[in-house]
Every structure is written in structure tokens, then in C-alpha cells.
Amino acid sequence: MHESSLLPATWNVPTEFVDRLGKQVGRQRTMIAEGHLLIILHAPPQPEDMYRKGRLFWREPDANWHSSEFKGGPNALNWHLDEYQQLLEDFDEKVDQATSSLDYLEVLNHLGPVYRALCHMTQALQMAREAIPKDKLLIDFRDNAYRLERTAELLIQDAKNALEYVVARQAEEQAKVSARIELSSHRLNLLIAYFFPIATLSTIFGSNFRHGYEKYQTPYPFWIMVGTGLALGFLIHLFLKRAPRKQRQ
């Protein structure tokens, strides 16, 4: 039974591997001892993960492969890489379907840890390839990991570009709305400035004239006045709402 909980109990690995492994997986890396190769990788991370889940791949000197999570054989590393491949395909689809800045931020928050995990995995597999340079499988594993790393990098760049475009478009729309509000406020201030003196003087001196309609067919003159006022208010509303001449052109 190994002292380290990371190594399966059935693995007969060199003592150096046991001594160099703790109870946490640590960073992704490769160990070599007595012709044995131990590759320590991380499962695809989730944004809320506090700690990374480790996956161990052990290659014996006779090229016999073992995995702590998958079945034995060299395909175990391929299955590990396929999980990252599927994850990147899912996020590629999410980037295509994203419509808001929150959608792109969600993708970026998840892609960041995935990209870093792929970068470190590529480095670990490069170490394994250098340790056993004649093993063609290690070259393929390293190349596939680099391809996934590059794919994640491009996805992050696409998501960032799309996010910047959405933010710029929202800022432009907000600027247009602010300009319209400023123009409407200016026009309203002009109207107030034009009618304020006469309204103030009329209020102070009570300039109400008798017109003979005070008691004429009550309340029809009142409703006619209200309707006329609403119509004039609507016309003023249309005037304030209309776009400037430059925008119409």
C-alpha cells in the first residue's frame, strides 16, 4: 500500500515516485526513474474548483501504460485529451451563440483555467517526450496537447474580441441616447426661457380677461381648451423628439 493516496495501491512504481508525491496533485509534471515514466496531469477544471483533480499515467519500461482513472493502455491519454477536445467544442458553440457581454464573460471565466491547464499539460508531455525520445506515442500526445492549447487560445481571443465589440456597441448606443436627451433638454429649456417671462408676469398681475365664455354651454369650452392643449403638447413632443438634421441626412 502506497503512503501517497494519489497512487493506486496495485501500482508497483519506483520508490522515487512515492517519495516525490504528496497528498495533493500539485502542478502538472513528468517524473522519470529507472526507465519508468509517471505523467501527472489535471482533469478538465471547472470555474468553481478550489483544487485540481489529478490523473496519473504510468509508463513501464516495456511501454505498458496504466492510468489511475481510465483503463490501461496508451489510449488512456487519448481519452484524457478527448475530454478537453469536447470541452473546447462546447465553448466554441457557446461563443457562436453568445449575444451579451455576460455570455462572453461566462465563457472567458471558464476558458481561462482550461487554457492554463492545457499549457501546463503541454509542458509536462514535452518533458515526457524528452525523457523517452524514441516513443512516437509521446510525440503524438505532445502535439495533440499543443493543438488543444492553441485552440483554447484562439477561442479566448475570439471571445475577447466579441466582448469588446459588444461593449463598444453598447457605449455607442448609450452615447446616442445621451445626445438625444441633451438635445431635448436644450429645446425644452429654450421653450421655458421664451415663455417664462410672460407666464410670470401674467401670474403676478392676474391678467385674466373676460371673454364671455365663462358660463357659455358649460363644460364644453373647458373640454375644448383641454383638447387643444393636449394637441399642442403632442406637437411640441414631436418637435422635441425629432432627430437633428445631420442624423436625418
C-alpha atoms as a PDB file:
ATOM      1  CA  MET A   1       0.000   0.000   0.000  1.00  0.00           C
ATOM      2  CA  HIS A   2       1.475   3.355  -1.040  1.00  0.00           C
ATOM      3  CA  GLU A   3       1.715   6.097   1.533  1.00  0.00           C
ATOM      4  CA  SER A   4       0.514   8.591  -1.078  1.00  0.00           C
ATOM      5  CA  SER A   5      -3.213   8.461  -1.728  1.00  0.00           C
ATOM      6  CA  LEU A   6      -2.655   9.562  -5.321  1.00  0.00           C
ATOM      7  CA  LEU A   7      -1.031   6.328  -6.487  1.00  0.00           C
ATOM      8  CA  PRO A   8      -3.255   3.269  -6.953  1.00  0.00           C
ATOM      9  CA  ALA A   9      -2.386   0.522  -4.489  1.00  0.00           C
ATOM     10  CA  THR A  10      -1.791  -2.005  -7.286  1.00  0.00           C
ATOM     11  CA  TRP A  11       0.916   0.044  -8.991  1.00  0.00           C
ATOM     12  CA  ASN A  12       4.440  -1.242  -8.475  1.00  0.00           C
ATOM     13  CA  VAL A  13       6.234   2.004  -9.231  1.00  0.00           C
ATOM     14  CA  PRO A  14       9.756   3.037  -8.204  1.00  0.00           C
ATOM     15  CA  THR A  15      10.118   4.317  -4.654  1.00  0.00           C
ATOM     16  CA  GLU A  16      11.266   7.684  -6.005  1.00  0.00           C
ATOM     17  CA  PHE A  17       7.787   8.342  -7.372  1.00  0.00           C
ATOM     18  CA  VAL A  18       6.229   7.572  -3.991  1.00  0.00           C
ATOM     19  CA  ASP A  19       8.690   9.840  -2.196  1.00  0.00           C
ATOM     20  CA  ARG A  20       8.095  12.750  -4.568  1.00  0.00           C
ATOM     21  CA  LEU A  21       4.299  12.629  -4.421  1.00  0.00           C
ATOM     22  CA  GLY A  22       2.290  14.201  -1.627  1.00  0.00           C
ATOM     23  CA  LYS A  23      -1.388  14.006  -0.825  1.00  0.00           C
ATOM     24  CA  GLN A  24      -2.232  16.821  -3.282  1.00  0.00           C
ATOM     25  CA  VAL A  25      -1.706  16.511  -7.000  1.00  0.00           C
ATOM     26  CA  GLY A  26       0.277  19.745  -7.315  1.00  0.00           C
ATOM     27  CA  ARG A  27       1.295  21.082 -10.701  1.00  0.00           C
ATOM     28  CA  GLN A  28       1.261  19.034 -13.894  1.00  0.00           C
ATOM     29  CA  ARG A  29       4.631  17.413 -14.441  1.00  0.00           C
ATOM     30  CA  THR A  30       6.552  14.306 -15.504  1.00  0.00           C
ATOM     31  CA  MET A  31       8.768  12.062 -13.391  1.00  0.00           C
ATOM     32  CA  ILE A  32      11.351   9.591 -14.710  1.00  0.00           C
ATOM     33  CA  ALA A  33      13.084   6.899 -12.646  1.00  0.00           C
ATOM     34  CA  GLU A  34      14.631   3.514 -13.533  1.00  0.00           C
ATOM     35  CA  GLY A  35      13.112   3.640 -17.009  1.00  0.00           C
ATOM     36  CA  HIS A  36       9.612   4.248 -15.611  1.00  0.00           C
ATOM     37  CA  LEU A  37       7.649   7.330 -16.620  1.00  0.00           C
ATOM     38  CA  LEU A  38       4.954   8.947 -14.469  1.00  0.00           C
ATOM     39  CA  ILE A  39       2.906  11.748 -16.018  1.00  0.00           C
ATOM     40  CA  ILE A  40       0.780  13.773 -13.592  1.00  0.00           C
ATOM     41  CA  LEU A  41      -1.996  15.732 -15.300  1.00  0.00           C
ATOM     42  CA  HIS A  42      -5.165  17.593 -14.318  1.00  0.00           C
ATOM     43  CA  ALA A  43      -8.715  16.709 -15.275  1.00  0.00           C
ATOM     44  CA  PRO A  44     -10.579  19.488 -17.150  1.00  0.00           C
ATOM     45  CA  PRO A  45     -11.106  22.186 -14.488  1.00  0.00           C
ATOM     46  CA  GLN A  46     -14.366  23.836 -13.535  1.00  0.00           C
ATOM     47  CA  PRO A  47     -14.509  27.561 -12.608  1.00  0.00           C
ATOM     48  CA  GLU A  48     -15.689  26.809  -9.070  1.00  0.00           C
ATOM     49  CA  ASP A  49     -12.993  24.192  -8.361  1.00  0.00           C
ATOM     50  CA  MET A  50     -10.708  25.119  -5.476  1.00  0.00           C
ATOM     51  CA  TYR A  51      -8.324  22.243  -6.157  1.00  0.00           C
ATOM     52  CA  ARG A  52      -7.428  20.379  -9.307  1.00  0.00           C
ATOM     53  CA  LYS A  53      -8.285  16.713  -9.737  1.00  0.00           C
ATOM     54  CA  GLY A  54      -5.194  14.722 -10.638  1.00  0.00           C
ATOM     55  CA  ARG A  55      -4.855  11.968 -13.208  1.00  0.00           C
ATOM     56  CA  LEU A  56      -1.782   9.766 -13.229  1.00  0.00           C
ATOM     57  CA  PHE A  57      -0.405   7.954 -16.280  1.00  0.00           C
ATOM     58  CA  TRP A  58       2.353   5.409 -15.703  1.00  0.00           C
ATOM     59  CA  ARG A  59       4.506   4.004 -18.493  1.00  0.00           C
ATOM     60  CA  GLU A  60       6.616   0.956 -17.694  1.00  0.00           C
ATOM     61  CA  PRO A  61       9.996   0.396 -19.400  1.00  0.00           C
ATOM     62  CA  ASP A  62       8.341  -2.152 -21.728  1.00  0.00           C
ATOM     63  CA  ALA A  63       5.909   0.577 -22.967  1.00  0.00           C
ATOM     64  CA  ASN A  64       2.995  -0.840 -20.980  1.00  0.00           C
ATOM     65  CA  TRP A  65       0.676   2.017 -19.955  1.00  0.00           C
ATOM     66  CA  HIS A  66      -1.507   2.343 -16.835  1.00  0.00           C
ATOM     67  CA  SER A  67      -3.954   5.053 -15.795  1.00  0.00           C
ATOM     68  CA  SER A  68      -5.361   5.998 -12.398  1.00  0.00           C
ATOM     69  CA  GLU A  69      -8.792   6.816 -13.850  1.00  0.00           C
ATOM     70  CA  PHE A  70      -9.130   5.235 -17.295  1.00  0.00           C
ATOM     71  CA  LYS A  71      -8.466   1.719 -18.484  1.00  0.00           C
ATOM     72  CA  GLY A  72      -4.888   0.702 -19.120  1.00  0.00           C
ATOM     73  CA  GLY A  73      -3.096   1.097 -22.411  1.00  0.00           C
ATOM     74  CA  PRO A  74      -1.896   4.126 -24.369  1.00  0.00           C
ATOM     75  CA  ASN A  75      -5.470   5.095 -25.240  1.00  0.00           C
ATOM     76  CA  ALA A  76      -5.917   6.381 -21.696  1.00  0.00           C
ATOM     77  CA  LEU A  77      -4.061   9.575 -22.578  1.00  0.00           C
ATOM     78  CA  ASN A  78      -6.114   9.907 -25.747  1.00  0.00           C
ATOM     79  CA  TRP A  79      -9.319   9.705 -23.711  1.00  0.00           C
ATOM     80  CA  HIS A  80      -7.931  12.360 -21.389  1.00  0.00           C
ATOM     81  CA  LEU A  81      -7.208  14.653 -24.338  1.00  0.00           C
ATOM     82  CA  ASP A  82     -10.626  13.898 -25.862  1.00  0.00           C
ATOM     83  CA  GLU A  83     -12.321  15.346 -22.772  1.00  0.00           C
ATOM     84  CA  TYR A  84     -10.526  18.634 -23.344  1.00  0.00           C
ATOM     85  CA  GLN A  85     -11.403  18.465 -27.037  1.00  0.00           C
ATOM     86  CA  GLN A  86     -15.111  18.032 -26.268  1.00  0.00           C
ATOM     87  CA  LEU A  87     -14.996  20.847 -23.728  1.00  0.00           C
ATOM     88  CA  LEU A  88     -13.446  23.229 -26.265  1.00  0.00           C
ATOM     89  CA  GLU A  89     -16.060  22.284 -28.869  1.00  0.00           C
ATOM     90  CA  ASP A  90     -18.814  23.105 -26.376  1.00  0.00           C
ATOM     91  CA  PHE A  91     -17.301  26.511 -25.675  1.00  0.00           C
ATOM     92  CA  ASP A  92     -16.807  27.187 -29.364  1.00  0.00           C
ATOM     93  CA  GLU A  93     -20.553  26.718 -29.764  1.00  0.00           C
ATOM     94  CA  LYS A  94     -21.236  28.966 -26.768  1.00  0.00           C
ATOM     95  CA  VAL A  95     -19.092  31.721 -28.270  1.00  0.00           C
ATOM     96  CA  ASP A  96     -21.074  31.486 -31.514  1.00  0.00           C
ATOM     97  CA  GLN A  97     -24.398  31.653 -29.654  1.00  0.00           C
ATOM     98  CA  ALA A  98     -23.419  34.408 -27.195  1.00  0.00           C
ATOM     99  CA  THR A  99     -25.330  37.672 -27.564  1.00  0.00           C
ATOM    100  CA  SER A 100     -24.456  39.688 -24.463  1.00  0.00           C
ATOM    101  CA  SER A 101     -21.380  40.693 -22.519  1.00  0.00           C
ATOM    102  CA  LEU A 102     -22.429  38.363 -19.674  1.00  0.00           C
ATOM    103  CA  ASP A 103     -22.404  35.400 -22.074  1.00  0.00           C
ATOM    104  CA  TYR A 104     -18.860  36.173 -23.209  1.00  0.00           C
ATOM    105  CA  LEU A 105     -17.668  36.763 -19.637  1.00  0.00           C
ATOM    106  CA  GLU A 106     -19.025  33.367 -18.603  1.00  0.00           C
ATOM    107  CA  VAL A 107     -17.094  31.697 -21.420  1.00  0.00           C
ATOM    108  CA  LEU A 108     -13.898  33.590 -20.571  1.00  0.00           C
ATOM    109  CA  ASN A 109     -14.159  32.738 -16.871  1.00  0.00           C
ATOM    110  CA  HIS A 110     -14.269  29.042 -17.737  1.00  0.00           C
ATOM    111  CA  LEU A 111     -11.783  29.089 -20.592  1.00  0.00           C
ATOM    112  CA  GLY A 112      -9.068  30.741 -18.504  1.00  0.00           C
ATOM    113  CA  PRO A 113      -8.433  27.746 -16.204  1.00  0.00           C
ATOM    114  CA  VAL A 114      -8.809  25.337 -19.129  1.00  0.00           C
ATOM    115  CA  TYR A 115      -6.208  27.214 -21.164  1.00  0.00           C
ATOM    116  CA  ARG A 116      -3.734  27.293 -18.272  1.00  0.00           C
ATOM    117  CA  ALA A 117      -4.260  23.563 -17.678  1.00  0.00           C
ATOM    118  CA  LEU A 118      -3.561  22.865 -21.354  1.00  0.00           C
ATOM    119  CA  CYS A 119      -0.394  24.980 -21.309  1.00  0.00           C
ATOM    120  CA  HIS A 120       0.988  23.087 -18.319  1.00  0.00           C
ATOM    121  CA  MET A 121      -0.099  19.756 -19.794  1.00  0.00           C
ATOM    122  CA  THR A 122       1.832  20.530 -22.978  1.00  0.00           C
ATOM    123  CA  GLN A 123       4.921  21.275 -20.892  1.00  0.00           C
ATOM    124  CA  ALA A 124       4.537  18.018 -18.942  1.00  0.00           C
ATOM    125  CA  LEU A 125       4.158  15.975 -22.129  1.00  0.00           C
ATOM    126  CA  GLN A 126       7.164  17.736 -23.643  1.00  0.00           C
ATOM    127  CA  MET A 127       9.168  16.631 -20.602  1.00  0.00           C
ATOM    128  CA  ALA A 128       7.944  13.063 -21.157  1.00  0.00           C
ATOM    129  CA  ARG A 129       8.850  13.228 -24.843  1.00  0.00           C
ATOM    130  CA  GLU A 130      12.375  14.411 -23.967  1.00  0.00           C
ATOM    131  CA  ALA A 131      12.746  11.686 -21.323  1.00  0.00           C
ATOM    132  CA  ILE A 132      11.895   8.919 -23.822  1.00  0.00           C
ATOM    133  CA  PRO A 133      12.634  10.439 -27.246  1.00  0.00           C
ATOM    134  CA  LYS A 134      12.090   7.215 -29.215  1.00  0.00           C
ATOM    135  CA  ASP A 135       8.458   6.754 -28.165  1.00  0.00           C
ATOM    136  CA  LYS A 136       6.338   8.026 -31.068  1.00  0.00           C
ATOM    137  CA  LEU A 137       3.175   7.948 -28.957  1.00  0.00           C
ATOM    138  CA  LEU A 138       4.579  10.611 -26.663  1.00  0.00           C
ATOM    139  CA  ILE A 139       5.232  12.822 -29.667  1.00  0.00           C
ATOM    140  CA  ASP A 140       1.605  12.425 -30.748  1.00  0.00           C
ATOM    141  CA  PHE A 141       0.349  13.148 -27.230  1.00  0.00           C
ATOM    142  CA  ARG A 142       2.505  16.265 -27.031  1.00  0.00           C
ATOM    143  CA  ASP A 143       1.376  17.512 -30.450  1.00  0.00           C
ATOM    144  CA  ASN A 144      -2.307  16.932 -29.654  1.00  0.00           C
ATOM    145  CA  ALA A 145      -1.935  18.793 -26.375  1.00  0.00           C
ATOM    146  CA  TYR A 146      -0.324  21.731 -28.171  1.00  0.00           C
ATOM    147  CA  ARG A 147      -3.139  21.735 -30.735  1.00  0.00           C
ATOM    148  CA  LEU A 148      -5.708  21.916 -27.936  1.00  0.00           C
ATOM    149  CA  GLU A 149      -3.729  24.667 -26.244  1.00  0.00           C
ATOM    150  CA  ARG A 150      -3.716  26.685 -29.452  1.00  0.00           C
ATOM    151  CA  THR A 151      -7.446  26.091 -29.944  1.00  0.00           C
ATOM    152  CA  ALA A 152      -8.184  27.361 -26.436  1.00  0.00           C
ATOM    153  CA  GLU A 153      -6.002  30.413 -27.049  1.00  0.00           C
ATOM    154  CA  LEU A 154      -7.891  31.257 -30.240  1.00  0.00           C
ATOM    155  CA  LEU A 155     -11.239  30.764 -28.517  1.00  0.00           C
ATOM    156  CA  ILE A 156     -10.230  33.165 -25.763  1.00  0.00           C
ATOM    157  CA  GLN A 157      -9.133  35.725 -28.342  1.00  0.00           C
ATOM    158  CA  ASP A 158     -12.406  35.361 -30.270  1.00  0.00           C
ATOM    159  CA  ALA A 159     -14.441  35.764 -27.081  1.00  0.00           C
ATOM    160  CA  LYS A 160     -12.429  38.847 -26.062  1.00  0.00           C
ATOM    161  CA  ASN A 161     -12.859  40.443 -29.496  1.00  0.00           C
ATOM    162  CA  ALA A 162     -16.595  39.764 -29.444  1.00  0.00           C
ATOM    163  CA  LEU A 163     -16.862  41.149 -25.911  1.00  0.00           C
ATOM    164  CA  GLU A 164     -15.031  44.333 -26.907  1.00  0.00           C
ATOM    165  CA  TYR A 165     -17.375  44.738 -29.883  1.00  0.00           C
ATOM    166  CA  VAL A 166     -20.473  44.322 -27.689  1.00  0.00           C
ATOM    167  CA  VAL A 167     -19.143  46.828 -25.145  1.00  0.00           C
ATOM    168  CA  ALA A 168     -18.263  49.329 -27.892  1.00  0.00           C
ATOM    169  CA  ARG A 169     -21.691  48.941 -29.498  1.00  0.00           C
ATOM    170  CA  GLN A 170     -23.446  49.475 -26.162  1.00  0.00           C
ATOM    171  CA  ALA A 171     -21.295  52.532 -25.480  1.00  0.00           C
ATOM    172  CA  GLU A 172     -22.163  53.957 -28.902  1.00  0.00           C
ATOM    173  CA  GLU A 173     -25.885  53.385 -28.349  1.00  0.00           C
ATOM    174  CA  GLN A 174     -25.648  54.982 -24.916  1.00  0.00           C
ATOM    175  CA  ALA A 175     -23.858  57.974 -26.416  1.00  0.00           C
ATOM    176  CA  LYS A 176     -26.641  58.405 -28.993  1.00  0.00           C
ATOM    177  CA  VAL A 177     -29.311  58.241 -26.284  1.00  0.00           C
ATOM    178  CA  SER A 178     -27.415  60.782 -24.184  1.00  0.00           C
ATOM    179  CA  ALA A 179     -27.106  63.087 -27.193  1.00  0.00           C
ATOM    180  CA  ARG A 180     -30.853  62.884 -27.856  1.00  0.00           C
ATOM    181  CA  ILE A 181     -31.632  63.583 -24.206  1.00  0.00           C
ATOM    182  CA  GLU A 182     -29.271  66.546 -24.211  1.00  0.00           C
ATOM    183  CA  LEU A 183     -30.858  67.946 -27.376  1.00  0.00           C
ATOM    184  CA  SER A 184     -34.383  67.522 -25.981  1.00  0.00           C
ATOM    185  CA  SER A 185     -33.356  69.215 -22.748  1.00  0.00           C
ATOM    186  CA  HIS A 186     -31.877  72.115 -24.714  1.00  0.00           C
ATOM    187  CA  ARG A 187     -35.053  72.571 -26.755  1.00  0.00           C
ATOM    188  CA  LEU A 188     -37.204  72.396 -23.641  1.00  0.00           C
ATOM    189  CA  ASN A 189     -35.030  74.978 -21.942  1.00  0.00           C
ATOM    190  CA  LEU A 190     -35.466  77.274 -24.942  1.00  0.00           C
ATOM    191  CA  LEU A 191     -39.249  76.954 -24.719  1.00  0.00           C
ATOM    192  CA  ILE A 192     -39.192  77.607 -20.990  1.00  0.00           C
ATOM    193  CA  ALA A 193     -36.928  80.624 -21.436  1.00  0.00           C
ATOM    194  CA  TYR A 194     -39.206  82.012 -24.148  1.00  0.00           C
ATOM    195  CA  PHE A 195     -42.483  81.694 -22.224  1.00  0.00           C
ATOM    196  CA  PHE A 196     -41.237  82.093 -18.642  1.00  0.00           C
ATOM    197  CA  PRO A 197     -41.313  85.941 -18.513  1.00  0.00           C
ATOM    198  CA  ILE A 198     -44.843  86.300 -19.860  1.00  0.00           C
ATOM    199  CA  ALA A 199     -46.107  83.426 -17.683  1.00  0.00           C
ATOM    200  CA  THR A 200     -44.548  85.028 -14.614  1.00  0.00           C
ATOM    201  CA  LEU A 201     -45.954  88.499 -15.363  1.00  0.00           C
ATOM    202  CA  SER A 202     -49.396  87.072 -16.092  1.00  0.00           C
ATOM    203  CA  THR A 203     -49.350  85.217 -12.790  1.00  0.00           C
ATOM    204  CA  ILE A 204     -48.227  88.268 -10.793  1.00  0.00           C
ATOM    205  CA  PHE A 205     -50.668  90.749 -12.306  1.00  0.00           C
ATOM    206  CA  GLY A 206     -53.507  88.248 -12.795  1.00  0.00           C
ATOM    207  CA  SER A 207     -54.098  89.142 -16.433  1.00  0.00           C
ATOM    208  CA  ASN A 208     -57.325  87.187 -16.863  1.00  0.00           C
ATOM    209  CA  PHE A 209     -59.668  88.735 -19.479  1.00  0.00           C
ATOM    210  CA  ARG A 210     -63.388  88.266 -19.595  1.00  0.00           C
ATOM    211  CA  HIS A 211     -64.250  86.582 -22.846  1.00  0.00           C
ATOM    212  CA  GLY A 212     -67.917  85.781 -22.349  1.00  0.00           C
ATOM    213  CA  TYR A 213     -67.450  82.003 -22.336  1.00  0.00           C
ATOM    214  CA  GLU A 214     -67.268  81.610 -18.552  1.00  0.00           C
ATOM    215  CA  LYS A 215     -70.852  80.336 -18.440  1.00  0.00           C
ATOM    216  CA  TYR A 216     -71.409  79.516 -22.106  1.00  0.00           C
ATOM    217  CA  GLN A 217     -72.588  75.914 -22.573  1.00  0.00           C
ATOM    218  CA  THR A 218     -70.584  74.642 -19.604  1.00  0.00           C
ATOM    219  CA  PRO A 219     -68.433  72.498 -19.625  1.00  0.00           C
ATOM    220  CA  TYR A 220     -67.854  72.281 -23.419  1.00  0.00           C
ATOM    221  CA  PRO A 221     -65.443  75.249 -23.663  1.00  0.00           C
ATOM    222  CA  PHE A 222     -63.355  73.681 -20.880  1.00  0.00           C
ATOM    223  CA  TRP A 223     -63.003  70.358 -22.699  1.00  0.00           C
ATOM    224  CA  ILE A 224     -62.247  72.151 -25.984  1.00  0.00           C
ATOM    225  CA  MET A 225     -59.458  74.022 -24.213  1.00  0.00           C
ATOM    226  CA  VAL A 226     -58.098  70.769 -22.700  1.00  0.00           C
ATOM    227  CA  GLY A 227     -58.156  69.030 -26.089  1.00  0.00           C
ATOM    228  CA  THR A 228     -56.435  71.971 -27.775  1.00  0.00           C
ATOM    229  CA  GLY A 229     -53.768  71.987 -25.049  1.00  0.00           C
ATOM    230  CA  LEU A 230     -53.134  68.257 -25.434  1.00  0.00           C
ATOM    231  CA  ALA A 231     -52.865  68.608 -29.206  1.00  0.00           C
ATOM    232  CA  LEU A 232     -50.372  71.445 -28.876  1.00  0.00           C
ATOM    233  CA  GLY A 233     -48.439  69.417 -26.287  1.00  0.00           C
ATOM    234  CA  PHE A 234     -48.295  66.470 -28.677  1.00  0.00           C
ATOM    235  CA  LEU A 235     -46.941  68.695 -31.459  1.00  0.00           C
ATOM    236  CA  ILE A 236     -44.290  70.057 -29.111  1.00  0.00           C
ATOM    237  CA  HIS A 237     -43.453  66.460 -28.111  1.00  0.00           C
ATOM    238  CA  LEU A 238     -42.916  65.532 -31.772  1.00  0.00           C
ATOM    239  CA  PHE A 239     -40.722  68.581 -32.243  1.00  0.00           C
ATOM    240  CA  LEU A 240     -38.546  67.687 -29.251  1.00  0.00           C
ATOM    241  CA  LYS A 241     -38.347  64.026 -30.277  1.00  0.00           C
ATOM    242  CA  ARG A 242     -37.302  64.544 -33.896  1.00  0.00           C
ATOM    243  CA  ALA A 243     -33.699  63.760 -34.805  1.00  0.00           C
ATOM    244  CA  PRO A 244     -31.208  66.507 -35.608  1.00  0.00           C
ATOM    245  CA  ARG A 245     -30.776  67.482 -39.248  1.00  0.00           C
ATOM    246  CA  LYS A 246     -27.366  65.791 -39.551  1.00  0.00           C
ATOM    247  CA  GLN A 247     -28.723  62.456 -38.344  1.00  0.00           C
ATOM    248  CA  ARG A 248     -31.675  62.636 -40.770  1.00  0.00           C
ATOM    249  CA  GLN A 249     -29.287  63.200 -43.643  1.00  0.00           C
END
